[in-house]
């Protein structure tokens, strides 16, 4: 990596870089220089000299980085960056896998439990009468007799399956295009061509798959119609995975039991959108990626990737342009 510059877009990290993390990046990059740019103007000024970018990099910085060799994003979903880099000989790394898996999975369960234990109902309509308590209890679930379908068995999907096993779901099914070992937490692993077979069996469908041309509107109107009546959809990946018009209709008429959505097709979600107000929907504003440990994990990955870059080894979390994830 001789005579190359690392530009760390520190202002745009999910959590700001600490002095210790900056020191770790400098040590990993040495003897090459590191520029820590805490504002867009500084990033743009140094971008033409940068061969490596690290952070939540803005499109105009990518355009200005004419000598760029690779980008390490702090986000797990990098479809927009990949599209912006189309045609350039630039490698792209994301924070997929173990970096975001734990907190995406925990958020998925927060959304799910808010729906299945009546928490969302009580927060919207606080009451304390016997009739009300009986009505809420009548809607509550246990997971012990339920089937969960995890769509996408990457780091986040595995973390969801692991937690589902802890909650004693009766059956855990996963859909994954890669030939992988499903591990002890998945009872059945199928490919995308079998999604239509397993989808109607699921009480809960959790989307942890990346957005690609093949997965856009993965849950389209036909598949939503084929889902088990009363099933719940949880999406902590990308809003465009779901046909939102069909989803709204199925939630409004009660065909689906509910939806927990951290992402939507068009963000930010308009405050007058019915998804905010439907009693069987919980929406959070794309916050599932939050964790006090996220910055330290992505900095550690970046430092290891600097070592691998020098050694000519594969980079951790590299985005495959041919697969779209």
C-alpha atoms as a PDB file:
ATOM      1  CA  UNK A   1       0.000   0.000   0.000  1.00  0.00           C
ATOM      2  CA  UNK A   2       2.988   2.257  -0.561  1.00  0.00           C
ATOM      3  CA  UNK A   3       2.349   5.937  -1.253  1.00  0.00           C
ATOM      4  CA  UNK A   4      -1.354   5.542  -0.653  1.00  0.00           C
ATOM      5  CA  UNK A   5      -3.639   7.612   1.540  1.00  0.00           C
ATOM      6  CA  UNK A   6      -6.441   6.375   3.777  1.00  0.00           C
ATOM      7  CA  UNK A   7      -9.284   8.865   4.148  1.00  0.00           C
ATOM      8  CA  UNK A   8     -11.446   8.126   7.177  1.00  0.00           C
ATOM      9  CA  UNK A   9     -14.792   9.909   7.016  1.00  0.00           C
ATOM     10  CA  UNK A  10     -15.054  10.062  10.774  1.00  0.00           C
ATOM     11  CA  UNK A  11     -17.947  12.489  10.976  1.00  0.00           C
ATOM     12  CA  UNK A  12     -20.241  10.076   9.216  1.00  0.00           C
ATOM     13  CA  UNK A  13     -19.635   6.921  11.244  1.00  0.00           C
ATOM     14  CA  UNK A  14     -22.584   5.320  13.004  1.00  0.00           C
ATOM     15  CA  UNK A  15     -20.697   6.235  16.180  1.00  0.00           C
ATOM     16  CA  UNK A  16     -17.907   8.872  16.084  1.00  0.00           C
ATOM     17  CA  UNK A  17     -14.332   7.606  15.993  1.00  0.00           C
ATOM     18  CA  UNK A  18     -12.549   7.787  19.325  1.00  0.00           C
ATOM     19  CA  UNK A  19      -8.920   8.844  19.599  1.00  0.00           C
ATOM     20  CA  UNK A  20      -8.007   5.235  20.340  1.00  0.00           C
ATOM     21  CA  UNK A  21      -9.757   4.019  17.188  1.00  0.00           C
ATOM     22  CA  UNK A  22      -8.012   6.657  15.076  1.00  0.00           C
ATOM     23  CA  UNK A  23      -4.697   5.543  16.567  1.00  0.00           C
ATOM     24  CA  UNK A  24      -5.522   1.925  15.684  1.00  0.00           C
ATOM     25  CA  UNK A  25      -6.245   2.886  12.064  1.00  0.00           C
ATOM     26  CA  UNK A  26      -3.024   4.905  11.839  1.00  0.00           C
ATOM     27  CA  UNK A  27      -1.039   1.982  13.225  1.00  0.00           C
ATOM     28  CA  UNK A  28      -2.641  -0.448  10.774  1.00  0.00           C
ATOM     29  CA  UNK A  29      -2.023   1.889   7.810  1.00  0.00           C
ATOM     30  CA  UNK A  30       1.537   2.883   8.712  1.00  0.00           C
ATOM     31  CA  UNK A  31       3.713   4.014   7.044  1.00  0.00           C
ATOM     32  CA  UNK A  32       0.976   5.310   4.727  1.00  0.00           C
ATOM     33  CA  UNK A  33      -0.765   8.505   5.798  1.00  0.00           C
ATOM     34  CA  UNK A  34      -4.254   8.643   7.274  1.00  0.00           C
ATOM     35  CA  UNK A  35      -6.464  11.714   6.955  1.00  0.00           C
ATOM     36  CA  UNK A  36      -9.368  11.871   9.403  1.00  0.00           C
ATOM     37  CA  UNK A  37     -11.977  14.109   7.794  1.00  0.00           C
ATOM     38  CA  UNK A  38     -14.742  15.191  10.164  1.00  0.00           C
ATOM     39  CA  UNK A  39     -16.668  17.316   7.668  1.00  0.00           C
ATOM     40  CA  UNK A  40     -17.629  17.047   4.025  1.00  0.00           C
ATOM     41  CA  UNK A  41     -15.443  19.946   2.900  1.00  0.00           C
ATOM     42  CA  UNK A  42     -12.342  18.275   4.310  1.00  0.00           C
ATOM     43  CA  UNK A  43     -13.275  14.985   2.714  1.00  0.00           C
ATOM     44  CA  UNK A  44     -13.698  16.616  -0.672  1.00  0.00           C
ATOM     45  CA  UNK A  45     -10.368  18.417  -0.327  1.00  0.00           C
ATOM     46  CA  UNK A  46      -8.446  15.205   0.378  1.00  0.00           C
ATOM     47  CA  UNK A  47     -10.482  12.767  -1.738  1.00  0.00           C
ATOM     48  CA  UNK A  48      -8.376  13.174  -4.930  1.00  0.00           C
ATOM     49  CA  UNK A  49      -5.326  11.830  -3.057  1.00  0.00           C
ATOM     50  CA  UNK A  50      -7.146   8.957  -1.365  1.00  0.00           C
ATOM     51  CA  UNK A  51      -6.809   5.366  -2.469  1.00  0.00           C
ATOM     52  CA  UNK A  52      -8.819   3.971   0.456  1.00  0.00           C
ATOM     53  CA  UNK A  53     -12.018   5.452   1.888  1.00  0.00           C
ATOM     54  CA  UNK A  54     -13.476   4.408   5.229  1.00  0.00           C
ATOM     55  CA  UNK A  55     -16.819   5.522   6.639  1.00  0.00           C
ATOM     56  CA  UNK A  56     -20.304   6.427   5.496  1.00  0.00           C
ATOM     57  CA  UNK A  57     -18.953   7.901   2.277  1.00  0.00           C
ATOM     58  CA  UNK A  58     -21.103  10.369   0.359  1.00  0.00           C
ATOM     59  CA  UNK A  59     -21.533  10.155  -3.457  1.00  0.00           C
ATOM     60  CA  UNK A  60     -19.715  13.423  -4.116  1.00  0.00           C
ATOM     61  CA  UNK A  61     -16.684  12.128  -2.189  1.00  0.00           C
ATOM     62  CA  UNK A  62     -16.688   8.945  -4.263  1.00  0.00           C
ATOM     63  CA  UNK A  63     -16.763  11.061  -7.424  1.00  0.00           C
ATOM     64  CA  UNK A  64     -13.869  13.216  -6.221  1.00  0.00           C
ATOM     65  CA  UNK A  65     -11.709  10.202  -5.275  1.00  0.00           C
ATOM     66  CA  UNK A  66     -10.218   9.692  -8.732  1.00  0.00           C
ATOM     67  CA  UNK A  67      -7.410   7.422  -7.430  1.00  0.00           C
ATOM     68  CA  UNK A  68      -9.690   5.233  -5.335  1.00  0.00           C
ATOM     69  CA  UNK A  69      -8.855   1.531  -5.034  1.00  0.00           C
ATOM     70  CA  UNK A  70     -11.266   0.344  -2.350  1.00  0.00           C
ATOM     71  CA  UNK A  71     -13.992   1.561  -0.036  1.00  0.00           C
ATOM     72  CA  UNK A  72     -14.901   0.238   3.398  1.00  0.00           C
ATOM     73  CA  UNK A  73     -18.433   1.250   4.292  1.00  0.00           C
ATOM     74  CA  UNK A  74     -19.675   1.232   7.871  1.00  0.00           C
ATOM     75  CA  UNK A  75     -23.076   0.047   6.621  1.00  0.00           C
ATOM     76  CA  UNK A  76     -24.121  -3.527   5.914  1.00  0.00           C
ATOM     77  CA  UNK A  77     -26.277  -2.588   2.943  1.00  0.00           C
ATOM     78  CA  UNK A  78     -24.100  -1.058   0.234  1.00  0.00           C
ATOM     79  CA  UNK A  79     -26.351  -1.437  -2.813  1.00  0.00           C
ATOM     80  CA  UNK A  80     -26.494   2.337  -3.346  1.00  0.00           C
ATOM     81  CA  UNK A  81     -22.708   2.727  -3.132  1.00  0.00           C
ATOM     82  CA  UNK A  82     -22.241  -0.228  -5.483  1.00  0.00           C
ATOM     83  CA  UNK A  83     -24.581   1.335  -8.013  1.00  0.00           C
ATOM     84  CA  UNK A  84     -22.665   4.628  -7.794  1.00  0.00           C
ATOM     85  CA  UNK A  85     -19.356   2.834  -8.344  1.00  0.00           C
ATOM     86  CA  UNK A  86     -20.625   0.878 -11.361  1.00  0.00           C
ATOM     87  CA  UNK A  87     -18.009   0.753 -14.103  1.00  0.00           C
ATOM     88  CA  UNK A  88     -15.117   1.736 -11.828  1.00  0.00           C
ATOM     89  CA  UNK A  89     -12.337  -0.631 -10.822  1.00  0.00           C
ATOM     90  CA  UNK A  90     -12.983  -0.108  -7.132  1.00  0.00           C
ATOM     91  CA  UNK A  91     -13.436  -2.804  -4.516  1.00  0.00           C
ATOM     92  CA  UNK A  92     -16.178  -2.393  -1.935  1.00  0.00           C
ATOM     93  CA  UNK A  93     -16.368  -3.756   1.604  1.00  0.00           C
ATOM     94  CA  UNK A  94     -19.429  -3.657   3.851  1.00  0.00           C
ATOM     95  CA  UNK A  95     -20.086  -4.193   7.542  1.00  0.00           C
ATOM     96  CA  UNK A  96     -22.055  -7.366   6.901  1.00  0.00           C
ATOM     97  CA  UNK A  97     -21.830 -10.533   8.903  1.00  0.00           C
ATOM     98  CA  UNK A  98     -20.888 -10.461  12.553  1.00  0.00           C
ATOM     99  CA  UNK A  99     -20.561  -6.677  12.746  1.00  0.00           C
ATOM    100  CA  UNK A 100     -24.292  -5.945  12.496  1.00  0.00           C
ATOM    101  CA  UNK A 101     -25.821  -9.374  13.064  1.00  0.00           C
ATOM    102  CA  UNK A 102     -26.417  -9.126  16.800  1.00  0.00           C
ATOM    103  CA  UNK A 103     -28.159  -5.780  16.888  1.00  0.00           C
ATOM    104  CA  UNK A 104     -30.236  -6.397  13.747  1.00  0.00           C
ATOM    105  CA  UNK A 105     -31.432  -9.668  15.267  1.00  0.00           C
ATOM    106  CA  UNK A 106     -32.223  -8.100  18.626  1.00  0.00           C
ATOM    107  CA  UNK A 107     -34.153  -5.317  16.925  1.00  0.00           C
ATOM    108  CA  UNK A 108     -36.089  -7.854  14.857  1.00  0.00           C
ATOM    109  CA  UNK A 109     -37.169  -9.537  18.069  1.00  0.00           C
ATOM    110  CA  UNK A 110     -38.014  -6.214  19.690  1.00  0.00           C
ATOM    111  CA  UNK A 111     -40.415  -5.502  16.829  1.00  0.00           C
ATOM    112  CA  UNK A 112     -41.792  -9.038  16.921  1.00  0.00           C
ATOM    113  CA  UNK A 113     -42.343  -9.116  20.680  1.00  0.00           C
ATOM    114  CA  UNK A 114     -44.006  -5.703  20.627  1.00  0.00           C
ATOM    115  CA  UNK A 115     -46.613  -7.265  18.339  1.00  0.00           C
ATOM    116  CA  UNK A 116     -46.958 -10.747  19.825  1.00  0.00           C
ATOM    117  CA  UNK A 117     -47.088  -9.737  23.497  1.00  0.00           C
ATOM    118  CA  UNK A 118     -49.492  -6.816  23.090  1.00  0.00           C
ATOM    119  CA  UNK A 119     -46.904  -4.187  23.974  1.00  0.00           C
ATOM    120  CA  UNK A 120     -47.650  -2.056  20.914  1.00  0.00           C
ATOM    121  CA  UNK A 121     -51.378  -2.178  21.636  1.00  0.00           C
ATOM    122  CA  UNK A 122     -51.002  -1.041  25.236  1.00  0.00           C
ATOM    123  CA  UNK A 123     -48.585   1.749  24.378  1.00  0.00           C
ATOM    124  CA  UNK A 124     -51.056   3.101  21.822  1.00  0.00           C
ATOM    125  CA  UNK A 125     -54.124   2.707  24.054  1.00  0.00           C
ATOM    126  CA  UNK A 126     -53.093   2.714  27.725  1.00  0.00           C
ATOM    127  CA  UNK A 127     -55.872   1.284  29.879  1.00  0.00           C
ATOM    128  CA  UNK A 128     -56.162  -0.894  32.962  1.00  0.00           C
ATOM    129  CA  UNK A 129     -59.516  -2.599  33.072  1.00  0.00           C
ATOM    130  CA  UNK A 130     -60.343  -6.274  33.275  1.00  0.00           C
ATOM    131  CA  UNK A 131     -62.086  -6.223  29.905  1.00  0.00           C
ATOM    132  CA  UNK A 132     -59.102  -4.556  28.242  1.00  0.00           C
ATOM    133  CA  UNK A 133     -56.599  -6.948  29.797  1.00  0.00           C
ATOM    134  CA  UNK A 134     -58.659  -9.926  28.666  1.00  0.00           C
ATOM    135  CA  UNK A 135     -58.862  -8.521  25.131  1.00  0.00           C
ATOM    136  CA  UNK A 136     -55.096  -7.987  24.921  1.00  0.00           C
ATOM    137  CA  UNK A 137     -54.348 -11.412  26.360  1.00  0.00           C
ATOM    138  CA  UNK A 138     -56.543 -12.971  23.683  1.00  0.00           C
ATOM    139  CA  UNK A 139     -54.162 -11.674  21.004  1.00  0.00           C
ATOM    140  CA  UNK A 140     -50.898 -12.765  22.639  1.00  0.00           C
ATOM    141  CA  UNK A 141     -48.628 -15.445  21.225  1.00  0.00           C
ATOM    142  CA  UNK A 142     -46.206 -18.025  22.485  1.00  0.00           C
ATOM    143  CA  UNK A 143     -43.457 -19.006  20.067  1.00  0.00           C
ATOM    144  CA  UNK A 144     -43.315 -22.645  21.147  1.00  0.00           C
ATOM    145  CA  UNK A 145     -45.911 -23.745  18.584  1.00  0.00           C
ATOM    146  CA  UNK A 146     -44.779 -21.407  15.799  1.00  0.00           C
ATOM    147  CA  UNK A 147     -42.625 -21.609  12.660  1.00  0.00           C
ATOM    148  CA  UNK A 148     -40.167 -18.876  11.736  1.00  0.00           C
ATOM    149  CA  UNK A 149     -38.874 -18.354   8.209  1.00  0.00           C
ATOM    150  CA  UNK A 150     -35.575 -16.458   7.980  1.00  0.00           C
ATOM    151  CA  UNK A 151     -34.953 -15.143   4.476  1.00  0.00           C
ATOM    152  CA  UNK A 152     -31.200 -14.681   4.139  1.00  0.00           C
ATOM    153  CA  UNK A 153     -28.814 -16.765   6.255  1.00  0.00           C
ATOM    154  CA  UNK A 154     -25.886 -14.368   6.442  1.00  0.00           C
ATOM    155  CA  UNK A 155     -24.591 -12.914   9.697  1.00  0.00           C
ATOM    156  CA  UNK A 156     -27.881 -11.257  10.625  1.00  0.00           C
ATOM    157  CA  UNK A 157     -29.976 -14.232   9.555  1.00  0.00           C
ATOM    158  CA  UNK A 158     -27.898 -16.614  11.643  1.00  0.00           C
ATOM    159  CA  UNK A 159     -28.203 -14.273  14.621  1.00  0.00           C
ATOM    160  CA  UNK A 160     -31.991 -14.240  14.188  1.00  0.00           C
ATOM    161  CA  UNK A 161     -32.120 -18.049  13.952  1.00  0.00           C
ATOM    162  CA  UNK A 162     -29.951 -18.401  17.050  1.00  0.00           C
ATOM    163  CA  UNK A 163     -32.315 -16.204  19.042  1.00  0.00           C
ATOM    164  CA  UNK A 164     -35.346 -17.983  17.622  1.00  0.00           C
ATOM    165  CA  UNK A 165     -33.900 -21.247  18.905  1.00  0.00           C
ATOM    166  CA  UNK A 166     -33.518 -19.652  22.330  1.00  0.00           C
ATOM    167  CA  UNK A 167     -37.176 -18.607  22.224  1.00  0.00           C
ATOM    168  CA  UNK A 168     -38.054 -22.239  21.463  1.00  0.00           C
ATOM    169  CA  UNK A 169     -39.755 -21.781  18.118  1.00  0.00           C
ATOM    170  CA  UNK A 170     -41.155 -25.121  17.052  1.00  0.00           C
ATOM    171  CA  UNK A 171     -39.474 -24.947  13.646  1.00  0.00           C
ATOM    172  CA  UNK A 172     -36.934 -22.620  12.053  1.00  0.00           C
ATOM    173  CA  UNK A 173     -36.613 -22.578   8.262  1.00  0.00           C
ATOM    174  CA  UNK A 174     -34.113 -20.503   6.296  1.00  0.00           C
ATOM    175  CA  UNK A 175     -33.840 -19.455   2.658  1.00  0.00           C
ATOM    176  CA  UNK A 176     -30.325 -18.841   1.356  1.00  0.00           C
ATOM    177  CA  UNK A 177     -28.877 -18.824  -2.186  1.00  0.00           C
ATOM    178  CA  UNK A 178     -25.406 -19.929  -1.075  1.00  0.00           C
ATOM    179  CA  UNK A 179     -24.505 -23.496  -0.208  1.00  0.00           C
ATOM    180  CA  UNK A 180     -23.746 -23.067   3.478  1.00  0.00           C
ATOM    181  CA  UNK A 181     -23.830 -25.154   6.619  1.00  0.00           C
ATOM    182  CA  UNK A 182     -27.124 -24.158   8.274  1.00  0.00           C
ATOM    183  CA  UNK A 183     -25.755 -24.838  11.732  1.00  0.00           C
ATOM    184  CA  UNK A 184     -27.676 -26.163  14.741  1.00  0.00           C
ATOM    185  CA  UNK A 185     -30.319 -23.423  14.819  1.00  0.00           C
ATOM    186  CA  UNK A 186     -31.958 -24.091  11.440  1.00  0.00           C
ATOM    187  CA  UNK A 187     -34.210 -27.118  10.972  1.00  0.00           C
ATOM    188  CA  UNK A 188     -34.526 -26.770   7.201  1.00  0.00           C
ATOM    189  CA  UNK A 189     -32.421 -24.815   4.706  1.00  0.00           C
ATOM    190  CA  UNK A 190     -33.762 -24.270   1.195  1.00  0.00           C
ATOM    191  CA  UNK A 191     -32.774 -22.251  -1.855  1.00  0.00           C
ATOM    192  CA  UNK A 192     -34.679 -19.263  -3.260  1.00  0.00           C
ATOM    193  CA  UNK A 193     -36.427 -21.538  -5.765  1.00  0.00           C
ATOM    194  CA  UNK A 194     -38.224 -23.199  -2.842  1.00  0.00           C
ATOM    195  CA  UNK A 195     -39.398 -19.991  -1.162  1.00  0.00           C
ATOM    196  CA  UNK A 196     -42.933 -20.417  -2.475  1.00  0.00           C
ATOM    197  CA  UNK A 197     -43.127 -23.862  -0.871  1.00  0.00           C
ATOM    198  CA  UNK A 198     -42.057 -22.849   2.622  1.00  0.00           C
ATOM    199  CA  UNK A 199     -43.578 -19.352   2.791  1.00  0.00           C
ATOM    200  CA  UNK A 200     -47.168 -20.530   3.506  1.00  0.00           C
ATOM    201  CA  UNK A 201     -45.920 -22.588   6.476  1.00  0.00           C
ATOM    202  CA  UNK A 202     -44.435 -19.644   8.369  1.00  0.00           C
ATOM    203  CA  UNK A 203     -46.025 -17.779  11.259  1.00  0.00           C
ATOM    204  CA  UNK A 204     -43.190 -15.249  11.227  1.00  0.00           C
ATOM    205  CA  UNK A 205     -41.141 -14.168   8.208  1.00  0.00           C
ATOM    206  CA  UNK A 206     -37.965 -12.226   8.981  1.00  0.00           C
ATOM    207  CA  UNK A 207     -36.178 -10.509   6.098  1.00  0.00           C
ATOM    208  CA  UNK A 208     -32.401 -10.293   6.485  1.00  0.00           C
ATOM    209  CA  UNK A 209     -31.509 -10.651   2.810  1.00  0.00           C
ATOM    210  CA  UNK A 210     -29.617  -7.924   0.882  1.00  0.00           C
ATOM    211  CA  UNK A 211     -31.354  -5.891  -1.778  1.00  0.00           C
ATOM    212  CA  UNK A 212     -30.445  -7.036  -5.286  1.00  0.00           C
ATOM    213  CA  UNK A 213     -32.338  -7.091  -8.584  1.00  0.00           C
ATOM    214  CA  UNK A 214     -33.366 -10.647  -7.695  1.00  0.00           C
ATOM    215  CA  UNK A 215     -34.706  -9.734  -4.236  1.00  0.00           C
ATOM    216  CA  UNK A 216     -36.477  -6.452  -5.041  1.00  0.00           C
ATOM    217  CA  UNK A 217     -40.159  -7.052  -4.187  1.00  0.00           C
ATOM    218  CA  UNK A 218     -39.240 -10.532  -3.000  1.00  0.00           C
ATOM    219  CA  UNK A 219     -42.481 -10.384  -1.055  1.00  0.00           C
ATOM    220  CA  UNK A 220     -44.736  -9.296  -3.895  1.00  0.00           C
ATOM    221  CA  UNK A 221     -48.531  -9.279  -3.960  1.00  0.00           C
ATOM    222  CA  UNK A 222     -48.768 -12.960  -4.921  1.00  0.00           C
ATOM    223  CA  UNK A 223     -46.447 -14.115  -2.137  1.00  0.00           C
ATOM    224  CA  UNK A 224     -48.117 -11.909   0.452  1.00  0.00           C
ATOM    225  CA  UNK A 225     -51.442 -13.428  -0.577  1.00  0.00           C
ATOM    226  CA  UNK A 226     -49.948 -16.925  -0.199  1.00  0.00           C
ATOM    227  CA  UNK A 227     -48.728 -16.334   3.357  1.00  0.00           C
ATOM    228  CA  UNK A 228     -50.418 -18.008   6.289  1.00  0.00           C
ATOM    229  CA  UNK A 229     -53.387 -15.956   7.542  1.00  0.00           C
ATOM    230  CA  UNK A 230     -52.319 -14.032  10.626  1.00  0.00           C
ATOM    231  CA  UNK A 231     -48.596 -14.284   9.853  1.00  0.00           C
ATOM    232  CA  UNK A 232     -46.208 -11.504  10.828  1.00  0.00           C
ATOM    233  CA  UNK A 233     -43.545  -9.919   8.588  1.00  0.00           C
ATOM    234  CA  UNK A 234     -40.420  -8.411  10.151  1.00  0.00           C
ATOM    235  CA  UNK A 235     -38.050  -6.415   7.943  1.00  0.00           C
ATOM    236  CA  UNK A 236     -34.710  -5.117   9.228  1.00  0.00           C
ATOM    237  CA  UNK A 237     -32.924  -5.143   5.862  1.00  0.00           C
ATOM    238  CA  UNK A 238     -34.255  -3.007   2.985  1.00  0.00           C
ATOM    239  CA  UNK A 239     -37.735  -1.647   2.411  1.00  0.00           C
ATOM    240  CA  UNK A 240     -37.721  -2.441  -1.300  1.00  0.00           C
ATOM    241  CA  UNK A 241     -37.764  -6.159  -0.504  1.00  0.00           C
ATOM    242  CA  UNK A 242     -41.521  -5.833   0.014  1.00  0.00           C
ATOM    243  CA  UNK A 243     -44.338  -4.636  -2.228  1.00  0.00           C
ATOM    244  CA  UNK A 244     -45.602  -2.038   0.236  1.00  0.00           C
ATOM    245  CA  UNK A 245     -48.920  -1.478  -1.521  1.00  0.00           C
ATOM    246  CA  UNK A 246     -49.772  -5.156  -1.186  1.00  0.00           C
ATOM    247  CA  UNK A 247     -48.452  -5.213   2.382  1.00  0.00           C
ATOM    248  CA  UNK A 248     -50.610  -2.254   3.441  1.00  0.00           C
ATOM    249  CA  UNK A 249     -53.675  -3.894   1.927  1.00  0.00           C
ATOM    250  CA  UNK A 250     -53.039  -7.225   3.676  1.00  0.00           C
ATOM    251  CA  UNK A 251     -52.460  -5.496   7.008  1.00  0.00           C
ATOM    252  CA  UNK A 252     -55.503  -3.270   6.644  1.00  0.00           C
ATOM    253  CA  UNK A 253     -57.924  -6.084   5.866  1.00  0.00           C
ATOM    254  CA  UNK A 254     -56.420  -8.346   8.534  1.00  0.00           C
ATOM    255  CA  UNK A 255     -55.115 -10.989   6.135  1.00  0.00           C
ATOM    256  CA  UNK A 256     -51.713 -10.633   7.798  1.00  0.00           C
ATOM    257  CA  UNK A 257     -51.406 -10.537  11.547  1.00  0.00           C
ATOM    258  CA  UNK A 258     -48.873  -7.756  11.652  1.00  0.00           C
ATOM    259  CA  UNK A 259     -45.613  -6.233  10.499  1.00  0.00           C
ATOM    260  CA  UNK A 260     -42.530  -4.966  12.283  1.00  0.00           C
ATOM    261  CA  UNK A 261     -40.701  -2.588   9.972  1.00  0.00           C
ATOM    262  CA  UNK A 262     -37.413  -0.832  10.582  1.00  0.00           C
ATOM    263  CA  UNK A 263     -37.104  -0.014   6.884  1.00  0.00           C
ATOM    264  CA  UNK A 264     -39.563   1.097   4.213  1.00  0.00           C
ATOM    265  CA  UNK A 265     -39.377   1.586   0.474  1.00  0.00           C
ATOM    266  CA  UNK A 266     -39.267   5.391   0.640  1.00  0.00           C
ATOM    267  CA  UNK A 267     -37.464   6.887   3.608  1.00  0.00           C
ATOM    268  CA  UNK A 268     -38.266   8.864   5.628  1.00  0.00           C
ATOM    269  CA  UNK A 269     -41.759   7.449   5.955  1.00  0.00           C
ATOM    270  CA  UNK A 270     -44.348  10.229   5.693  1.00  0.00           C
ATOM    271  CA  UNK A 271     -46.060  10.893   9.017  1.00  0.00           C
ATOM    272  CA  UNK A 272     -49.485  10.474   7.413  1.00  0.00           C
ATOM    273  CA  UNK A 273     -48.612   7.044   5.997  1.00  0.00           C
ATOM    274  CA  UNK A 274     -51.044   4.385   7.266  1.00  0.00           C
ATOM    275  CA  UNK A 275     -48.138   2.176   8.362  1.00  0.00           C
ATOM    276  CA  UNK A 276     -47.539   4.484  11.331  1.00  0.00           C
ATOM    277  CA  UNK A 277     -51.128   4.178  12.492  1.00  0.00           C
ATOM    278  CA  UNK A 278     -52.270   0.626  11.736  1.00  0.00           C
ATOM    279  CA  UNK A 279     -52.807  -1.170  15.061  1.00  0.00           C
ATOM    280  CA  UNK A 280     -51.012  -4.310  13.857  1.00  0.00           C
ATOM    281  CA  UNK A 281     -47.848  -2.515  12.676  1.00  0.00           C
ATOM    282  CA  UNK A 282     -44.778  -1.303  14.534  1.00  0.00           C
ATOM    283  CA  UNK A 283     -42.454   1.049  12.651  1.00  0.00           C
ATOM    284  CA  UNK A 284     -39.039   2.268  13.759  1.00  0.00           C
ATOM    285  CA  UNK A 285     -37.075   4.839  11.709  1.00  0.00           C
ATOM    286  CA  UNK A 286     -34.209   2.695  10.367  1.00  0.00           C
ATOM    287  CA  UNK A 287     -32.479   2.375  13.736  1.00  0.00           C
ATOM    288  CA  UNK A 288     -31.849  -1.390  13.916  1.00  0.00           C
ATOM    289  CA  UNK A 289     -28.185  -0.807  13.095  1.00  0.00           C
ATOM    290  CA  UNK A 290     -27.536   1.027  16.338  1.00  0.00           C
ATOM    291  CA  UNK A 291     -25.138  -0.505  18.862  1.00  0.00           C
ATOM    292  CA  UNK A 292     -22.527   0.877  21.267  1.00  0.00           C
ATOM    293  CA  UNK A 293     -20.129  -1.767  19.915  1.00  0.00           C
ATOM    294  CA  UNK A 294     -20.640  -1.163  16.208  1.00  0.00           C
ATOM    295  CA  UNK A 295     -17.822   1.350  15.719  1.00  0.00           C
ATOM    296  CA  UNK A 296     -15.229  -0.806  17.477  1.00  0.00           C
ATOM    297  CA  UNK A 297     -16.227  -3.819  15.392  1.00  0.00           C
ATOM    298  CA  UNK A 298     -16.067  -2.033  12.045  1.00  0.00           C
ATOM    299  CA  UNK A 299     -12.747  -0.365  12.957  1.00  0.00           C
ATOM    300  CA  UNK A 300     -11.317  -3.779  13.857  1.00  0.00           C
ATOM    301  CA  UNK A 301     -12.510  -5.159  10.515  1.00  0.00           C
ATOM    302  CA  UNK A 302     -10.992  -2.206   8.669  1.00  0.00           C
ATOM    303  CA  UNK A 303      -7.630  -2.597  10.397  1.00  0.00           C
ATOM    304  CA  UNK A 304      -7.563  -6.296   9.540  1.00  0.00           C
ATOM    305  CA  UNK A 305      -8.479  -5.464   5.955  1.00  0.00           C
ATOM    306  CA  UNK A 306      -5.578  -3.004   5.723  1.00  0.00           C
ATOM    307  CA  UNK A 307      -3.282  -5.887   6.692  1.00  0.00           C
ATOM    308  CA  UNK A 308      -4.950  -8.193   4.187  1.00  0.00           C
ATOM    309  CA  UNK A 309      -4.726  -5.563   1.454  1.00  0.00           C
ATOM    310  CA  UNK A 310      -0.960  -5.407   1.888  1.00  0.00           C
ATOM    311  CA  UNK A 311      -0.672  -9.183   1.933  1.00  0.00           C
ATOM    312  CA  UNK A 312      -2.831  -9.672  -1.161  1.00  0.00           C
ATOM    313  CA  UNK A 313      -5.394 -11.660   0.843  1.00  0.00           C
ATOM    314  CA  UNK A 314      -9.204 -11.574   0.447  1.00  0.00           C
ATOM    315  CA  UNK A 315     -10.869  -8.693   2.259  1.00  0.00           C
ATOM    316  CA  UNK A 316     -13.380  -9.391   4.999  1.00  0.00           C
ATOM    317  CA  UNK A 317     -16.925  -8.429   4.050  1.00  0.00           C
ATOM    318  CA  UNK A 318     -16.135  -7.727   0.409  1.00  0.00           C
ATOM    319  CA  UNK A 319     -19.116  -6.972  -1.824  1.00  0.00           C
ATOM    320  CA  UNK A 320     -19.360  -9.298  -4.826  1.00  0.00           C
ATOM    321  CA  UNK A 321     -20.449  -7.259  -7.821  1.00  0.00           C
ATOM    322  CA  UNK A 322     -21.501 -10.362  -9.736  1.00  0.00           C
ATOM    323  CA  UNK A 323     -23.878 -11.486  -6.953  1.00  0.00           C
ATOM    324  CA  UNK A 324     -24.996  -8.071  -5.773  1.00  0.00           C
ATOM    325  CA  UNK A 325     -24.160  -8.683  -2.115  1.00  0.00           C
END
